[in-house]
Amino acid sequence: EFHQHGTDADRKCLQYVLHGRTGDLAHYKWPNGFMDEGRPAGLALADFCTDASAQLAGLRPHHVAALRLYTSAAFRSINGHLREQEKSDESGQHQPVYPFPVTLSFIADGLRRLRAVAATRKDANEAIDVWRGMRNVESDTDFYAKGGTELA
């Protein structure tokens, strides 16, 4: 999927996730920061697959790879295409616009598995604040009163 539909940066991230080791791209600053900043150097995909959380959740290598890819600069392509509305060709036939369905399926399944494990923790029902950084966005009073969501 990413070889055919991804950007050069997406393919670089995929290559790193599948075949690289933490620290390999420490010199390269992505738009969302440095890849694996703060992690020990030398970890490969297999090391992430044997992590206790991954094992407990029953994550397979394809889940771990997809989740790691989503935390890279490739998130822009994964999310960006989800935000596109369905398009029609000249004949009026609807054309699918999402180019990464298998990757998205692995991400969704991996997240479900991790959430199931997290739900068993003794602090699972404690309130936490979750923040998302956004720029060039203004919220109106209706948002503050009722909340809101964004497309995809």
Protein backbone atom coordinates (compact mmCIF):
# COMPACT_ATOMS: atom_id res chain seq x y z
CA GLU A 1 0.00 0.00 0.00
CA PHE A 2 2.64 2.53 1.00
CA HIS A 3 4.96 1.56 -1.84
CA GLN A 4 2.16 2.27 -4.31
CA HIS A 5 0.27 5.14 -2.66
CA GLY A 6 2.56 6.63 -0.02
CA THR A 7 4.85 9.61 -0.22
CA ASP A 8 8.64 9.33 -0.22
CA ALA A 9 8.56 10.18 3.50
CA ASP A 10 5.95 7.45 4.11
CA ARG A 11 8.15 4.89 2.36
CA LYS A 12 11.17 6.03 4.38
CA CYS A 13 9.16 5.60 7.59
CA LEU A 14 7.95 2.16 6.50
CA GLN A 15 11.49 1.05 5.67
CA TYR A 16 12.65 2.28 9.09
CA VAL A 17 9.81 0.55 10.97
CA LEU A 18 10.25 -2.76 9.16
CA HIS A 19 14.03 -2.95 8.80
CA GLY A 20 15.64 -0.20 10.84
CA ARG A 21 16.70 0.14 14.44
CA THR A 22 15.98 2.94 16.86
CA GLY A 23 18.59 5.60 16.42
CA ASP A 24 19.08 4.97 12.69
CA LEU A 25 17.24 8.20 11.85
CA ALA A 26 18.15 10.18 14.97
CA HIS A 27 19.71 12.88 12.77
CA TYR A 28 16.56 13.36 10.69
CA LYS A 29 13.96 15.82 12.02
CA TRP A 30 10.46 14.98 10.82
CA PRO A 31 7.61 17.51 10.90
CA ASN A 32 6.35 15.82 14.09
CA GLY A 33 9.78 15.53 15.77
CA PHE A 34 12.60 13.01 15.93
CA MET A 35 11.72 9.37 15.39
CA ASP A 36 11.99 7.32 18.60
CA GLU A 37 13.52 10.20 20.53
CA GLY A 38 14.28 9.04 24.07
CA ARG A 39 14.23 5.33 23.25
CA PRO A 40 17.34 3.18 23.65
CA ALA A 41 19.29 2.84 20.41
CA GLY A 42 19.33 -0.43 18.51
CA LEU A 43 15.76 -1.68 18.97
CA ALA A 44 14.31 -3.49 15.94
CA LEU A 45 10.70 -4.39 15.11
CA ALA A 46 11.18 -7.77 16.81
CA ASP A 47 12.07 -6.00 20.07
CA PHE A 48 8.82 -4.03 20.01
CA CYS A 49 6.92 -7.25 19.28
CA THR A 50 8.34 -8.88 22.42
CA ASP A 51 7.45 -5.90 24.63
CA ALA A 52 5.30 -6.98 27.58
CA SER A 53 2.33 -4.85 26.49
CA ALA A 54 2.45 -6.21 22.95
CA GLN A 55 2.66 -9.78 24.24
CA LEU A 56 -0.18 -9.34 26.73
CA ALA A 57 -2.39 -7.79 24.03
CA GLY A 58 -1.58 -10.58 21.59
CA LEU A 59 -0.18 -8.18 19.02
CA ARG A 60 1.35 -9.80 15.96
CA PRO A 61 4.22 -8.20 14.02
CA HIS A 62 1.82 -6.64 11.51
CA HIS A 63 -0.06 -4.88 14.34
CA VAL A 64 3.15 -3.56 15.87
CA ALA A 65 4.51 -2.42 12.51
CA ALA A 66 1.26 -0.62 11.63
CA LEU A 67 1.08 1.08 15.05
CA ARG A 68 4.72 2.16 14.84
CA LEU A 69 4.14 3.46 11.32
CA TYR A 70 1.15 5.46 12.58
CA THR A 71 3.35 7.14 15.20
CA SER A 72 5.76 8.25 12.47
CA ALA A 73 5.41 11.06 9.94
CA ALA A 74 3.27 8.64 7.90
CA PHE A 75 0.35 9.55 10.18
CA ARG A 76 -0.24 12.52 7.86
CA SER A 77 -1.04 10.26 4.91
CA ILE A 78 -3.02 7.80 7.03
CA ASN A 79 -5.17 10.55 8.56
CA GLY A 80 -5.25 12.88 5.58
CA HIS A 81 -6.92 10.37 3.30
CA LEU A 82 -9.51 9.60 5.98
CA ARG A 83 -10.51 13.25 5.97
CA GLU A 84 -11.13 13.30 2.23
CA GLN A 85 -14.73 12.99 1.17
CA GLU A 86 -15.72 10.29 -1.31
CA LYS A 87 -15.11 11.42 -4.86
CA SER A 88 -16.82 10.60 -8.14
CA ASP A 89 -15.23 10.04 -11.53
CA GLU A 90 -16.49 11.64 -14.76
CA SER A 91 -19.28 9.06 -15.12
CA GLY A 92 -20.58 9.81 -11.62
CA GLN A 93 -19.35 6.51 -10.21
CA HIS A 94 -18.07 6.76 -6.66
CA GLN A 95 -14.40 5.91 -6.39
CA PRO A 96 -12.78 4.72 -3.17
CA VAL A 97 -10.38 7.34 -1.89
CA TYR A 98 -8.66 5.51 0.96
CA PRO A 99 -5.39 3.92 -0.21
CA PHE A 100 -4.28 2.18 3.04
CA PRO A 101 -7.15 -0.13 4.11
CA VAL A 102 -4.98 -3.02 5.29
CA THR A 103 -2.71 -0.78 7.35
CA LEU A 104 -5.74 0.95 8.87
CA SER A 105 -7.27 -2.43 9.72
CA PHE A 106 -4.09 -3.50 11.52
CA ILE A 107 -3.98 -0.19 13.42
CA ALA A 108 -7.62 -0.49 14.49
CA ASP A 109 -7.26 -4.13 15.56
CA GLY A 110 -4.03 -3.40 17.44
CA LEU A 111 -5.66 -0.50 19.28
CA ARG A 112 -8.67 -2.67 20.22
CA ARG A 113 -6.35 -5.32 21.62
CA LEU A 114 -4.32 -2.78 23.60
CA ARG A 115 -7.49 -1.15 24.95
CA ALA A 116 -8.81 -4.54 26.11
CA VAL A 117 -5.62 -5.06 28.11
CA ALA A 118 -5.67 -1.51 29.48
CA ALA A 119 -9.28 -1.99 30.61
CA THR A 120 -8.11 -4.66 33.07
CA ARG A 121 -5.74 -2.30 34.88
CA LYS A 122 -6.80 -1.20 38.35
CA ASP A 123 -6.59 2.47 37.29
CA ALA A 124 -8.64 1.90 34.12
CA ASN A 125 -11.61 3.95 35.36
CA GLU A 126 -9.67 6.89 36.75
CA ALA A 127 -10.15 10.19 34.97
CA ILE A 128 -7.21 11.54 32.98
CA ASP A 129 -6.72 14.66 30.90
CA VAL A 130 -5.79 14.03 27.28
CA TRP A 131 -4.49 16.88 25.14
CA ARG A 132 -4.05 17.18 21.44
CA GLY A 133 -1.93 19.88 19.92
CA MET A 134 -3.58 21.93 17.21
CA ARG A 135 -2.56 25.14 15.54
CA ASN A 136 -4.41 27.86 13.66
CA VAL A 137 -7.72 26.74 15.19
CA GLU A 138 -10.24 28.91 16.99
CA SER A 139 -13.08 27.39 19.00
CA ASP A 140 -16.45 29.04 19.35
CA THR A 141 -18.50 29.15 22.54
CA ASP A 142 -20.70 26.29 21.33
CA PHE A 143 -17.66 24.01 21.28
CA TYR A 144 -16.80 24.92 24.88
CA ALA A 145 -20.40 24.33 25.97
CA LYS A 146 -21.11 21.09 24.09
CA GLY A 147 -17.75 19.70 23.02
CA GLY A 148 -17.01 18.53 19.53
CA THR A 149 -15.22 16.23 17.19
CA GLU A 150 -13.37 16.40 13.92
CA LEU A 151 -13.93 14.41 10.76
CA ALA A 152 -11.91 11.17 11.00
